[in-house]
N, C-alpha and C. Protein backbone atom coordinates (compact mmCIF):
# COMPACT_ATOMS: atom_id res chain seq x y z
N UNK A 1 87.82 -2.34 -30.03
CA UNK A 1 87.92 -1.01 -30.51
C UNK A 1 88.81 -1.52 -32.32
N UNK A 2 90.02 -1.38 -32.36
CA UNK A 2 90.14 -2.04 -33.52
C UNK A 2 89.51 -2.72 -34.59
N UNK A 3 88.57 -3.98 -34.25
CA UNK A 3 87.55 -4.66 -34.16
C UNK A 3 86.51 -3.90 -35.31
N UNK A 4 85.93 -2.51 -34.66
CA UNK A 4 85.08 -1.87 -35.06
C UNK A 4 85.43 -1.11 -35.42
N UNK A 5 86.21 -0.70 -35.78
CA UNK A 5 86.59 -0.07 -36.68
C UNK A 5 87.12 -0.67 -38.31
N UNK A 6 87.42 -1.41 -37.72
CA UNK A 6 87.55 -2.44 -39.27
C UNK A 6 86.17 -2.73 -40.01
N UNK A 7 85.62 -3.77 -38.53
CA UNK A 7 84.17 -3.74 -39.35
C UNK A 7 83.36 -3.23 -39.85
N UNK A 8 83.48 -1.37 -39.30
CA UNK A 8 82.14 -0.48 -40.08
C UNK A 8 83.22 0.09 -41.74
N UNK A 9 84.71 -0.41 -41.76
CA UNK A 9 85.42 0.04 -42.96
C UNK A 9 84.80 -0.61 -43.76
N UNK A 10 84.20 -2.43 -43.23
CA UNK A 10 83.83 -2.92 -44.21
C UNK A 10 82.91 -3.14 -45.08
N UNK A 11 81.99 -2.86 -43.94
CA UNK A 11 80.27 -2.24 -44.47
C UNK A 11 80.52 -1.50 -45.07
N UNK A 12 80.84 -0.43 -44.95
CA UNK A 12 81.03 1.42 -45.76
C UNK A 12 81.40 0.48 -46.92
N UNK A 13 82.53 -0.12 -47.41
CA UNK A 13 82.72 -0.56 -48.94
C UNK A 13 82.23 -1.38 -49.41
N UNK A 14 81.51 -2.22 -48.65
CA UNK A 14 80.54 -3.34 -49.12
C UNK A 14 79.52 -2.20 -49.46
N UNK A 15 78.59 -1.40 -49.08
CA UNK A 15 77.84 -0.35 -49.55
C UNK A 15 78.54 0.48 -50.59
N UNK A 16 79.36 1.39 -50.61
CA UNK A 16 79.99 1.76 -51.56
C UNK A 16 79.81 0.60 -53.09
N UNK A 17 80.00 -0.50 -52.58
CA UNK A 17 80.39 -1.08 -53.85
C UNK A 17 78.87 -1.71 -54.42
N UNK A 18 78.21 -2.42 -53.05
CA UNK A 18 77.01 -2.46 -53.93
C UNK A 18 75.56 -1.85 -53.79
N UNK A 19 75.79 -0.59 -52.91
CA UNK A 19 74.83 -0.21 -52.24
C UNK A 19 74.40 0.96 -53.13
N UNK A 20 75.34 1.62 -53.97
CA UNK A 20 75.15 3.23 -54.16
C UNK A 20 74.26 2.60 -55.47
N UNK A 21 73.61 3.51 -55.96
CA UNK A 21 72.53 3.56 -57.32
C UNK A 21 73.96 3.70 -58.26
N UNK A 22 73.04 2.63 -59.25
CA UNK A 22 73.47 2.27 -60.28
C UNK A 22 72.96 4.11 -61.34
N UNK A 23 74.63 4.32 -62.50
CA UNK A 23 74.14 5.52 -63.16
C UNK A 23 73.21 5.28 -64.50
N UNK A 24 72.59 6.03 -64.62
CA UNK A 24 72.21 5.83 -66.00
C UNK A 24 72.69 5.42 -67.05
N UNK A 25 72.45 3.84 -67.96
CA UNK A 25 73.37 4.23 -69.04
C UNK A 25 72.39 3.39 -69.94
N UNK A 26 71.70 4.47 -70.85
CA UNK A 26 70.34 4.38 -71.76
C UNK A 26 71.00 4.41 -72.84
N UNK A 27 70.74 3.25 -73.55
CA UNK A 27 70.24 2.95 -75.51
C UNK A 27 69.24 3.20 -76.03
N UNK A 28 69.16 3.62 -77.10
CA UNK A 28 68.30 4.36 -78.07
C UNK A 28 67.04 5.28 -76.63
N UNK A 29 67.44 6.29 -76.84
CA UNK A 29 66.31 7.01 -75.39
C UNK A 29 65.47 7.28 -76.30
N UNK A 30 64.18 7.73 -75.78
CA UNK A 30 63.23 8.43 -76.63
C UNK A 30 63.49 9.89 -76.53
N UNK A 31 63.27 10.50 -77.73
CA UNK A 31 62.92 12.03 -77.56
C UNK A 31 61.98 12.63 -76.77
N UNK A 32 62.65 13.91 -76.31
CA UNK A 32 62.31 14.58 -75.43
C UNK A 32 60.65 14.76 -75.56
N UNK A 33 59.98 14.98 -74.49
CA UNK A 33 58.12 14.98 -74.31
C UNK A 33 58.41 16.41 -74.04
N UNK A 34 57.15 16.45 -75.26
CA UNK A 34 56.95 17.56 -74.93
C UNK A 34 55.41 17.83 -74.21
N UNK A 35 55.17 18.10 -72.79
CA UNK A 35 54.49 18.26 -72.38
C UNK A 35 54.76 19.26 -70.94
N UNK A 36 53.93 20.07 -70.85
CA UNK A 36 54.58 21.29 -68.92
C UNK A 36 52.92 21.85 -68.44
N UNK A 37 53.76 21.55 -67.17
CA UNK A 37 52.10 22.45 -66.41
C UNK A 37 52.43 23.52 -65.60
N UNK A 38 51.83 24.40 -65.82
CA UNK A 38 51.73 25.76 -65.46
C UNK A 38 51.95 25.75 -64.07
N UNK A 39 51.49 25.18 -62.93
CA UNK A 39 51.52 25.68 -61.79
C UNK A 39 51.14 24.26 -60.39
N UNK A 40 51.60 24.00 -59.36
CA UNK A 40 50.92 23.04 -58.81
C UNK A 40 49.47 23.18 -58.10
N UNK A 41 48.79 24.40 -58.53
CA UNK A 41 47.50 24.39 -58.54
C UNK A 41 46.53 23.65 -59.85
N UNK A 42 47.52 23.03 -60.71
CA UNK A 42 47.11 22.50 -61.95
C UNK A 42 47.44 20.87 -61.97
N UNK A 43 46.04 19.82 -62.37
CA UNK A 43 46.81 18.49 -62.36
C UNK A 43 47.89 18.16 -63.54
N UNK A 44 48.58 17.20 -62.81
CA UNK A 44 49.63 16.29 -63.45
C UNK A 44 49.28 16.10 -65.09
N UNK A 45 49.56 16.22 -65.66
CA UNK A 45 48.91 16.01 -67.33
C UNK A 45 50.02 15.11 -67.92
N UNK A 46 48.71 14.03 -68.78
CA UNK A 46 48.89 12.79 -69.37
C UNK A 46 48.68 13.04 -70.70
N UNK A 47 49.81 12.75 -71.67
CA UNK A 47 49.56 12.58 -73.16
C UNK A 47 49.83 11.74 -73.63
N UNK A 48 49.48 10.83 -74.82
CA UNK A 48 49.47 10.18 -75.78
C UNK A 48 50.65 10.35 -76.33
N UNK A 49 51.32 9.20 -76.34
CA UNK A 49 52.87 9.19 -77.57
C UNK A 49 52.20 9.37 -78.55
N UNK A 50 53.53 10.21 -79.13
CA UNK A 50 53.31 10.56 -80.90
C UNK A 50 53.12 8.77 -81.46
N UNK A 51 54.11 7.97 -80.86
CA UNK A 51 54.26 6.40 -81.67
C UNK A 51 55.02 5.85 -80.31
N UNK A 52 55.15 4.68 -80.88
CA UNK A 52 55.48 3.72 -79.42
C UNK A 52 57.05 3.46 -79.93
N UNK A 53 57.60 3.74 -78.56
CA UNK A 53 59.02 3.47 -78.61
C UNK A 53 59.29 2.42 -77.41
N UNK A 54 60.82 1.77 -77.37
CA UNK A 54 61.02 1.06 -76.72
C UNK A 54 62.56 0.94 -76.70
N UNK A 55 63.23 0.95 -75.34
CA UNK A 55 65.11 1.47 -75.19
C UNK A 55 65.36 0.46 -74.18
N UNK A 56 66.65 0.91 -73.60
CA UNK A 56 66.78 -0.27 -72.46
C UNK A 56 67.89 0.71 -71.84
N UNK A 57 67.31 0.21 -70.31
CA UNK A 57 68.50 1.34 -69.72
C UNK A 57 68.93 0.04 -68.52
N UNK A 58 70.65 0.18 -67.98
CA UNK A 58 70.43 -0.67 -67.37
C UNK A 58 70.40 -2.28 -67.01
N UNK A 59 70.24 -3.03 -68.56
CA UNK A 59 70.06 -3.92 -68.85
C UNK A 59 68.50 -4.07 -68.89
N UNK A 60 67.09 -3.26 -68.72
CA UNK A 60 66.02 -3.73 -68.39
C UNK A 60 65.21 -3.45 -69.96
N UNK A 61 64.75 -3.62 -70.01
CA UNK A 61 63.55 -3.05 -71.35
C UNK A 61 62.53 -2.27 -71.25
N UNK A 62 62.51 -1.13 -71.89
CA UNK A 62 61.29 0.05 -70.81
C UNK A 62 60.61 0.74 -72.66
N UNK A 63 59.49 0.32 -72.18
CA UNK A 63 58.27 1.19 -72.78
C UNK A 63 57.87 1.93 -73.02
N UNK A 64 57.27 3.01 -73.56
CA UNK A 64 57.02 4.39 -73.27
C UNK A 64 55.51 3.95 -73.31
N UNK A 65 54.43 4.41 -72.11
CA UNK A 65 53.08 4.26 -71.79
C UNK A 65 52.60 6.18 -72.64
N UNK A 66 52.99 6.96 -71.82
CA UNK A 66 52.61 8.07 -72.40
C UNK A 66 53.32 9.24 -71.86
N UNK A 67 52.94 10.39 -72.29
CA UNK A 67 53.60 11.81 -72.23
C UNK A 67 53.29 12.59 -70.77
N UNK A 68 54.15 12.23 -70.03
CA UNK A 68 53.34 13.40 -69.33
C UNK A 68 54.83 14.17 -68.20
N UNK A 69 53.46 14.67 -67.41
CA UNK A 69 54.55 16.47 -66.93
C UNK A 69 53.65 17.00 -66.01
N UNK A 70 54.15 17.26 -64.56
CA UNK A 70 53.80 18.02 -63.54
C UNK A 70 54.80 19.16 -63.02
N UNK A 71 53.85 20.18 -62.27
CA UNK A 71 54.41 20.89 -61.83
C UNK A 71 53.42 20.64 -59.83
N UNK A 72 54.43 20.17 -58.72
CA UNK A 72 53.85 19.86 -57.93
C UNK A 72 54.28 19.73 -56.14
N UNK A 73 54.16 19.84 -55.14
CA UNK A 73 55.06 20.07 -54.41
C UNK A 73 55.28 18.56 -53.52
N UNK A 74 56.09 18.61 -53.10
CA UNK A 74 57.38 17.73 -52.44
C UNK A 74 55.93 17.53 -50.97
N UNK A 75 55.65 16.26 -51.16
CA UNK A 75 55.27 16.32 -49.92
C UNK A 75 55.98 15.37 -49.00
N UNK A 76 57.02 14.45 -49.40
CA UNK A 76 57.76 13.09 -48.25
C UNK A 76 58.43 13.41 -49.61
N UNK A 77 59.72 13.35 -49.35
CA UNK A 77 61.26 12.12 -50.30
C UNK A 77 61.55 10.61 -49.61
N UNK A 78 61.69 9.66 -50.74
CA UNK A 78 62.68 8.81 -50.52
C UNK A 78 63.44 8.19 -50.73
N UNK A 79 64.97 7.76 -50.07
CA UNK A 79 65.65 7.47 -51.47
C UNK A 79 66.10 5.88 -51.16
N UNK A 80 65.80 4.74 -52.37
CA UNK A 80 66.73 3.41 -52.10
C UNK A 80 67.32 3.17 -52.79
N UNK A 81 68.68 2.34 -52.13
CA UNK A 81 69.69 2.00 -53.02
C UNK A 81 69.84 0.61 -52.86
N UNK A 82 68.71 -0.41 -52.55
CA UNK A 82 68.64 -1.99 -52.80
C UNK A 82 67.33 -1.69 -53.20
N UNK A 83 67.22 -3.66 -53.90
CA UNK A 83 66.10 -4.13 -54.66
C UNK A 83 65.67 -3.95 -56.30
N UNK A 84 65.09 -5.22 -56.45
CA UNK A 84 65.15 -4.70 -58.34
C UNK A 84 65.08 -3.03 -58.67
N UNK A 85 64.24 -2.36 -58.15
CA UNK A 85 63.89 -1.11 -58.47
C UNK A 85 64.39 0.32 -59.14
N UNK A 86 65.81 -0.44 -57.55
CA UNK A 86 66.96 0.99 -57.76
C UNK A 86 67.21 0.48 -58.30
N UNK A 87 67.68 -0.43 -59.01
CA UNK A 87 68.80 -0.41 -60.93
C UNK A 87 68.31 0.53 -61.49
N UNK A 88 67.28 1.31 -60.91
CA UNK A 88 66.37 2.14 -62.06
C UNK A 88 66.13 3.46 -61.78
N UNK A 89 65.14 2.97 -60.88
CA UNK A 89 64.41 4.30 -59.76
C UNK A 89 64.99 4.77 -58.17
N UNK A 90 66.33 5.05 -57.80
CA UNK A 90 66.84 5.84 -56.47
C UNK A 90 66.15 6.72 -55.63
N UNK A 91 65.48 7.21 -56.37
CA UNK A 91 64.53 8.04 -55.79
C UNK A 91 62.57 7.88 -55.61
N UNK A 92 61.87 8.10 -54.54
CA UNK A 92 60.83 8.70 -54.90
C UNK A 92 59.94 9.49 -54.11
N UNK A 93 59.55 10.46 -54.84
CA UNK A 93 58.44 11.50 -53.87
C UNK A 93 57.08 11.08 -53.71
N UNK A 94 56.68 11.35 -52.68
CA UNK A 94 55.43 11.48 -53.22
C UNK A 94 55.16 13.33 -53.46
N UNK A 95 53.75 13.01 -54.27
CA UNK A 95 53.94 14.78 -55.03
C UNK A 95 52.42 15.24 -54.57
N UNK A 96 52.11 16.61 -54.47
CA UNK A 96 50.38 17.19 -54.55
C UNK A 96 50.30 18.04 -55.31
N UNK A 97 49.30 18.14 -55.49
CA UNK A 97 48.95 19.07 -56.35
C UNK A 97 47.48 19.90 -55.71
N UNK A 98 47.27 21.16 -56.90
CA UNK A 98 46.00 21.41 -56.47
C UNK A 98 45.62 21.63 -54.87
N UNK A 99 44.91 21.38 -54.06
CA UNK A 99 45.11 21.84 -52.64
C UNK A 99 45.88 20.91 -51.83
N UNK A 100 46.24 19.73 -52.64
CA UNK A 100 47.52 19.76 -51.60
C UNK A 100 48.89 19.96 -51.61
N UNK A 101 49.03 20.54 -52.31
CA UNK A 101 50.04 21.62 -52.24
C UNK A 101 49.83 22.64 -51.42
N UNK A 102 48.96 23.02 -50.67
CA UNK A 102 48.97 23.82 -49.74
C UNK A 102 49.05 23.68 -48.18
N UNK A 103 49.85 24.42 -47.83
CA UNK A 103 50.67 24.78 -46.26
C UNK A 103 49.36 23.65 -45.81
N UNK A 104 48.75 24.59 -45.28
CA UNK A 104 47.22 24.57 -44.40
C UNK A 104 46.53 23.28 -44.55
N UNK A 105 46.55 22.58 -45.92
CA UNK A 105 46.21 21.51 -45.90
C UNK A 105 47.04 20.88 -45.85
N UNK A 106 48.51 20.40 -45.96
CA UNK A 106 49.35 19.62 -45.91
C UNK A 106 49.96 19.26 -44.21
N UNK A 107 49.96 20.59 -43.37
CA UNK A 107 50.07 20.51 -42.13
C UNK A 107 49.22 19.38 -41.48
N UNK A 108 48.12 19.65 -41.52
CA UNK A 108 46.70 18.54 -41.06
C UNK A 108 47.30 17.23 -41.26
N UNK A 109 48.12 16.62 -42.20
CA UNK A 109 47.83 15.03 -42.43
C UNK A 109 49.85 14.46 -42.14
N UNK A 110 49.37 13.47 -41.64
CA UNK A 110 51.26 12.94 -41.47
C UNK A 110 51.48 12.22 -42.33
N UNK A 111 52.18 12.91 -43.12
CA UNK A 111 52.80 11.72 -44.41
C UNK A 111 54.06 11.22 -44.21
N UNK A 112 54.24 10.09 -44.73
CA UNK A 112 55.30 9.59 -45.00
C UNK A 112 55.47 7.73 -46.07
N UNK A 113 56.24 8.07 -46.16
CA UNK A 113 57.01 6.29 -47.13
C UNK A 113 57.72 5.79 -46.62
N UNK A 114 57.44 4.34 -46.86
CA UNK A 114 58.35 3.75 -46.82
C UNK A 114 57.96 1.82 -47.64
N UNK A 115 58.68 1.26 -47.73
CA UNK A 115 59.03 0.00 -48.94
C UNK A 115 58.37 0.30 -49.67
N UNK A 116 58.60 1.86 -50.50
CA UNK A 116 57.50 2.12 -52.14
C UNK A 116 56.29 1.79 -51.68
N UNK A 117 55.92 2.81 -50.68
CA UNK A 117 54.09 2.99 -50.81
C UNK A 117 54.87 4.24 -50.05
N UNK A 118 53.64 5.42 -50.13
CA UNK A 118 53.05 6.47 -49.64
C UNK A 118 52.06 6.37 -48.53
N UNK A 119 51.92 6.89 -47.38
CA UNK A 119 50.94 7.09 -46.47
C UNK A 119 50.21 8.25 -46.09
N UNK A 120 49.28 8.77 -45.72
CA UNK A 120 49.13 9.91 -45.23
C UNK A 120 47.90 9.96 -43.99
N UNK A 121 47.67 10.19 -42.73
CA UNK A 121 46.99 10.41 -42.12
C UNK A 121 46.64 11.72 -41.55
N UNK A 122 45.39 11.63 -40.38
CA UNK A 122 44.45 12.44 -39.79
C UNK A 122 44.07 12.31 -38.53
N UNK A 123 44.07 13.19 -37.76
CA UNK A 123 43.04 13.46 -36.62
C UNK A 123 41.71 14.17 -36.66
N UNK A 124 40.98 13.67 -36.40
CA UNK A 124 39.32 14.34 -35.75
C UNK A 124 39.08 14.41 -37.82
N UNK A 125 38.68 15.57 -38.21
CA UNK A 125 38.19 15.50 -39.58
C UNK A 125 39.46 16.18 -40.57
N UNK A 126 38.97 15.34 -42.01
CA UNK A 126 40.10 15.42 -42.70
C UNK A 126 39.77 17.05 -43.50
N UNK A 127 41.52 17.71 -43.66
CA UNK A 127 40.93 19.02 -43.69
C UNK A 127 40.74 19.38 -45.36
N UNK A 128 40.97 17.99 -45.83
CA UNK A 128 39.67 18.31 -47.59
C UNK A 128 38.99 16.74 -47.03
N UNK A 129 38.34 16.70 -48.59
CA UNK A 129 37.61 15.40 -48.65
C UNK A 129 38.72 14.37 -48.71
N UNK A 130 38.30 13.13 -48.35
CA UNK A 130 39.40 11.58 -48.06
C UNK A 130 39.26 11.84 -49.46
N UNK A 131 38.54 11.23 -50.61
CA UNK A 131 38.32 11.58 -52.62
C UNK A 131 39.49 12.74 -53.10
N UNK A 132 39.80 13.92 -52.46
CA UNK A 132 40.35 14.70 -53.11
C UNK A 132 41.66 14.30 -52.71
N UNK A 133 41.85 14.01 -51.23
CA UNK A 133 43.27 13.66 -50.76
C UNK A 133 44.13 12.88 -52.02
N UNK A 134 43.13 11.93 -51.96
CA UNK A 134 43.45 10.56 -53.15
C UNK A 134 44.07 11.34 -54.46
N UNK A 135 42.72 11.54 -55.14
CA UNK A 135 43.14 12.19 -56.64
C UNK A 135 44.06 13.39 -56.58
N UNK A 136 44.72 13.34 -55.68
CA UNK A 136 45.61 15.17 -55.62
C UNK A 136 46.71 15.09 -55.09
N UNK A 137 47.22 13.58 -54.88
CA UNK A 137 48.16 13.53 -54.52
C UNK A 137 49.05 11.81 -55.07
N UNK A 138 50.14 11.65 -55.21
CA UNK A 138 50.56 10.40 -55.00
C UNK A 138 52.54 10.36 -55.45
N UNK A 139 52.32 8.83 -54.95
CA UNK A 139 53.79 7.99 -54.84
C UNK A 139 53.97 8.29 -56.48
N UNK A 140 55.25 8.99 -56.62
CA UNK A 140 55.65 8.64 -57.64
C UNK A 140 57.41 8.29 -58.31
N UNK A 141 57.20 7.08 -58.60
CA UNK A 141 58.55 6.55 -58.87
C UNK A 141 59.68 6.60 -59.93
N UNK A 142 61.08 7.55 -59.39
CA UNK A 142 61.34 8.52 -60.53
C UNK A 142 62.60 7.45 -60.83
N UNK A 143 62.90 7.85 -61.98
CA UNK A 143 64.20 7.09 -63.33
C UNK A 143 64.54 7.94 -63.88
N UNK A 144 65.82 8.45 -63.03
CA UNK A 144 66.73 9.49 -64.05
C UNK A 144 67.32 9.53 -65.78
N UNK A 145 66.54 9.84 -66.78
CA UNK A 145 67.31 10.26 -67.72
C UNK A 145 68.53 9.91 -68.03
N UNK A 146 69.32 10.68 -67.10
CA UNK A 146 70.87 10.78 -67.19
C UNK A 146 70.96 11.04 -66.23
N UNK A 147 72.79 11.35 -65.80
CA UNK A 147 73.16 11.78 -64.55
C UNK A 147 73.45 13.12 -63.89
N UNK A 148 72.62 13.92 -65.47
CA UNK A 148 72.42 15.32 -64.57
C UNK A 148 70.82 15.30 -63.66
N UNK A 149 69.45 14.83 -64.60
CA UNK A 149 68.92 14.75 -64.07
C UNK A 149 68.81 13.73 -62.83
N UNK A 150 69.73 12.67 -62.85
CA UNK A 150 69.81 11.84 -61.52
C UNK A 150 70.22 13.17 -59.94
N UNK A 151 71.02 14.19 -60.23
CA UNK A 151 71.41 14.86 -58.77
C UNK A 151 70.72 15.70 -59.30
N UNK A 152 69.85 16.13 -60.32
CA UNK A 152 69.23 17.15 -59.68
C UNK A 152 67.85 16.22 -58.67
N UNK A 153 67.60 15.24 -59.21
CA UNK A 153 66.62 14.68 -58.59
C UNK A 153 66.59 14.12 -56.89
N UNK A 154 67.69 14.49 -56.51
CA UNK A 154 68.32 14.00 -55.28
C UNK A 154 69.02 15.01 -54.84
N UNK A 155 68.53 16.09 -54.79
CA UNK A 155 68.70 17.72 -54.26
C UNK A 155 66.94 18.31 -53.75
N UNK A 156 65.94 16.78 -53.99
CA UNK A 156 64.53 17.30 -53.62
C UNK A 156 64.32 16.96 -52.96
N UNK A 157 63.93 18.16 -51.95
CA UNK A 157 62.89 18.20 -50.36
C UNK A 157 62.57 18.43 -50.45
N UNK A 158 61.59 17.83 -48.96
CA UNK A 158 60.25 17.86 -48.69
C UNK A 158 59.73 19.72 -48.65
N UNK A 159 58.73 20.13 -48.99
CA UNK A 159 58.26 20.90 -49.40
C UNK A 159 58.39 22.35 -50.67
N UNK A 160 59.35 21.88 -51.54
CA UNK A 160 60.28 22.53 -52.42
C UNK A 160 58.80 22.21 -53.69
N UNK A 161 58.72 22.89 -54.59
CA UNK A 161 57.80 23.21 -56.02
C UNK A 161 58.42 22.59 -56.55
N UNK A 162 58.32 21.56 -57.38
CA UNK A 162 58.58 20.18 -58.41
C UNK A 162 58.02 20.95 -59.69
N UNK A 163 59.09 21.15 -60.89
CA UNK A 163 58.28 20.70 -62.10
C UNK A 163 59.19 19.88 -63.37
N UNK A 164 58.88 19.07 -63.66
CA UNK A 164 59.69 17.71 -64.34
C UNK A 164 58.54 16.74 -65.24
N UNK A 165 59.00 16.68 -66.58
CA UNK A 165 58.72 16.03 -67.63
C UNK A 165 59.26 14.89 -67.91
N UNK A 166 58.29 14.05 -68.90
CA UNK A 166 58.74 12.64 -69.23
C UNK A 166 58.25 11.51 -69.63
N UNK A 167 58.09 10.08 -69.48
CA UNK A 167 57.38 9.31 -69.78
C UNK A 167 56.48 8.62 -68.73
N UNK A 168 55.81 8.38 -69.04
CA UNK A 168 55.24 6.43 -68.00
C UNK A 168 55.82 5.45 -68.58
N UNK A 169 56.66 4.75 -67.73
CA UNK A 169 56.93 3.21 -68.31
C UNK A 169 56.38 2.20 -68.05
N UNK A 170 57.00 1.14 -68.66
CA UNK A 170 56.80 0.23 -68.24
C UNK A 170 58.32 -0.39 -68.16
N UNK A 171 58.65 -1.46 -67.31
CA UNK A 171 59.60 -1.95 -67.51
C UNK A 171 59.58 -3.78 -66.99
N UNK A 172 60.37 -3.83 -68.30
CA UNK A 172 60.51 -5.73 -67.99
C UNK A 172 61.89 -6.24 -67.93
N UNK A 173 62.58 -6.99 -67.46
CA UNK A 173 63.30 -7.89 -67.04
C UNK A 173 63.58 -8.76 -67.84
N UNK A 174 64.75 -10.09 -68.06
CA UNK A 174 64.49 -10.40 -69.00
C UNK A 174 64.21 -12.26 -68.27
N UNK A 175 64.18 -11.64 -66.93
CA UNK A 175 64.58 -12.98 -66.36
C UNK A 175 62.49 -12.90 -65.86
N UNK A 176 61.66 -11.48 -66.47
CA UNK A 176 60.14 -12.26 -66.40
C UNK A 176 59.90 -10.92 -65.34
N UNK A 177 60.54 -10.54 -64.89
CA UNK A 177 59.99 -9.03 -63.32
C UNK A 177 59.64 -7.75 -64.14
N UNK A 178 59.07 -7.35 -63.48
CA UNK A 178 58.06 -6.09 -64.27
C UNK A 178 57.40 -5.09 -63.45
N UNK A 179 57.53 -3.98 -64.10
CA UNK A 179 57.45 -2.59 -63.56
C UNK A 179 56.46 -1.81 -64.01
N UNK A 180 55.04 -1.41 -63.80
CA UNK A 180 54.20 -0.69 -64.55
C UNK A 180 53.77 0.57 -64.05
N UNK A 181 53.98 1.65 -64.90
CA UNK A 181 53.07 2.78 -64.38
C UNK A 181 51.66 2.80 -64.19
N UNK A 182 50.99 3.43 -63.40
CA UNK A 182 49.89 3.32 -63.61
C UNK A 182 49.61 4.89 -64.29
N UNK A 183 48.57 5.07 -64.73
CA UNK A 183 47.94 5.66 -66.01
C UNK A 183 46.76 5.80 -65.71
N UNK A 184 46.71 6.75 -64.62
CA UNK A 184 45.44 7.53 -64.12
C UNK A 184 46.01 8.19 -62.53
N UNK A 185 45.08 9.20 -62.66
CA UNK A 185 45.42 9.98 -60.91
C UNK A 185 44.23 9.49 -60.18
N UNK A 186 43.37 8.49 -60.54
CA UNK A 186 42.58 8.22 -59.69
C UNK A 186 42.23 6.90 -58.48
N UNK A 187 43.35 6.20 -59.04
CA UNK A 187 43.17 4.79 -58.54
C UNK A 187 44.05 4.79 -57.11
N UNK A 188 43.98 3.99 -56.48
CA UNK A 188 44.37 3.62 -55.30
C UNK A 188 45.49 2.14 -54.76
N UNK A 189 46.10 2.59 -53.70
CA UNK A 189 46.48 1.28 -53.68
C UNK A 189 47.63 0.31 -54.45
N UNK A 190 47.26 -1.46 -54.94
CA UNK A 190 48.55 -1.70 -55.68
C UNK A 190 48.26 -1.51 -56.74
N UNK A 191 49.24 -0.70 -57.50
CA UNK A 191 49.46 -0.27 -59.14
C UNK A 191 49.37 1.16 -59.28
N UNK A 192 49.14 1.49 -58.43
CA UNK A 192 48.63 3.20 -58.23
C UNK A 192 49.62 4.24 -59.12
N UNK A 193 51.20 3.39 -58.47
CA UNK A 193 51.91 4.49 -58.72
C UNK A 193 52.38 5.34 -60.14
N UNK A 194 52.94 5.83 -59.93
CA UNK A 194 53.14 6.00 -61.59
C UNK A 194 55.12 6.01 -61.38
N UNK A 195 55.31 5.07 -62.65
CA UNK A 195 56.45 5.06 -62.80
C UNK A 195 57.14 6.21 -64.14
N UNK A 196 57.77 7.21 -63.41
CA UNK A 196 58.29 8.36 -64.88
C UNK A 196 60.09 7.91 -65.38
N UNK A 197 60.08 8.11 -66.22
CA UNK A 197 61.17 8.39 -67.17
C UNK A 197 61.32 9.84 -67.32
N UNK A 198 62.19 10.43 -65.88
CA UNK A 198 62.52 11.80 -66.34
C UNK A 198 63.36 12.60 -66.33
N UNK A 199 63.49 13.40 -67.67
CA UNK A 199 64.01 14.29 -68.72
C UNK A 199 64.37 15.51 -68.67
N UNK A 200 63.12 15.62 -67.56
CA UNK A 200 63.50 17.40 -67.21
C UNK A 200 63.02 17.52 -65.82
N UNK A 201 64.06 18.14 -65.49
CA UNK A 201 63.30 18.08 -63.62
C UNK A 201 63.96 19.96 -63.17
N UNK A 202 63.32 20.44 -62.68
CA UNK A 202 63.05 21.31 -61.82
C UNK A 202 62.86 21.54 -60.53
N UNK A 203 63.56 21.90 -59.58
CA UNK A 203 62.61 22.23 -58.04
C UNK A 203 63.63 23.50 -57.60
N UNK A 204 61.97 24.17 -57.09
CA UNK A 204 62.71 25.06 -56.19
C UNK A 204 61.95 25.37 -54.83
């Protein structure tokens, strides 16, 4: 029994040391994005950036691609503590807007996340057209701009209406690794997820 307890303590210590999300350390952060969406009935909003901006966070170079804002329902929430992406984004949320924010629709779908992907399934006929499901929902990787935003993001739960704003970004590492956000809500498959530097968030 003692060996089991000691082993458990060692594993807990390793997780505490290596498995925790890194706190945001941002150098030369961009100005606050000025974009908002009034209701989950509306599609996310994407605007051009007023000027190019590159900054660093946790040792990665980040380039802003577009201003971004949404109000949407959290369909599924997943946390990550390992992997390159977790250095920046410890949380991702599958969001739904328009009819994909309505409970009678989402109750007929089986929604899940795994390995930074978002999945949905249904039995029989889909509750709304498949293409509408694809273009009214998305898996979004959330990069908190500061510790306060990180704490609020960590409180998001399935079913909540979430309002956030920030930037769609491209991430680069010195060893050549990269991560780039989608710039459209119409795509699917590899590269279709949004990577968002979140500056403001409210969940209810």
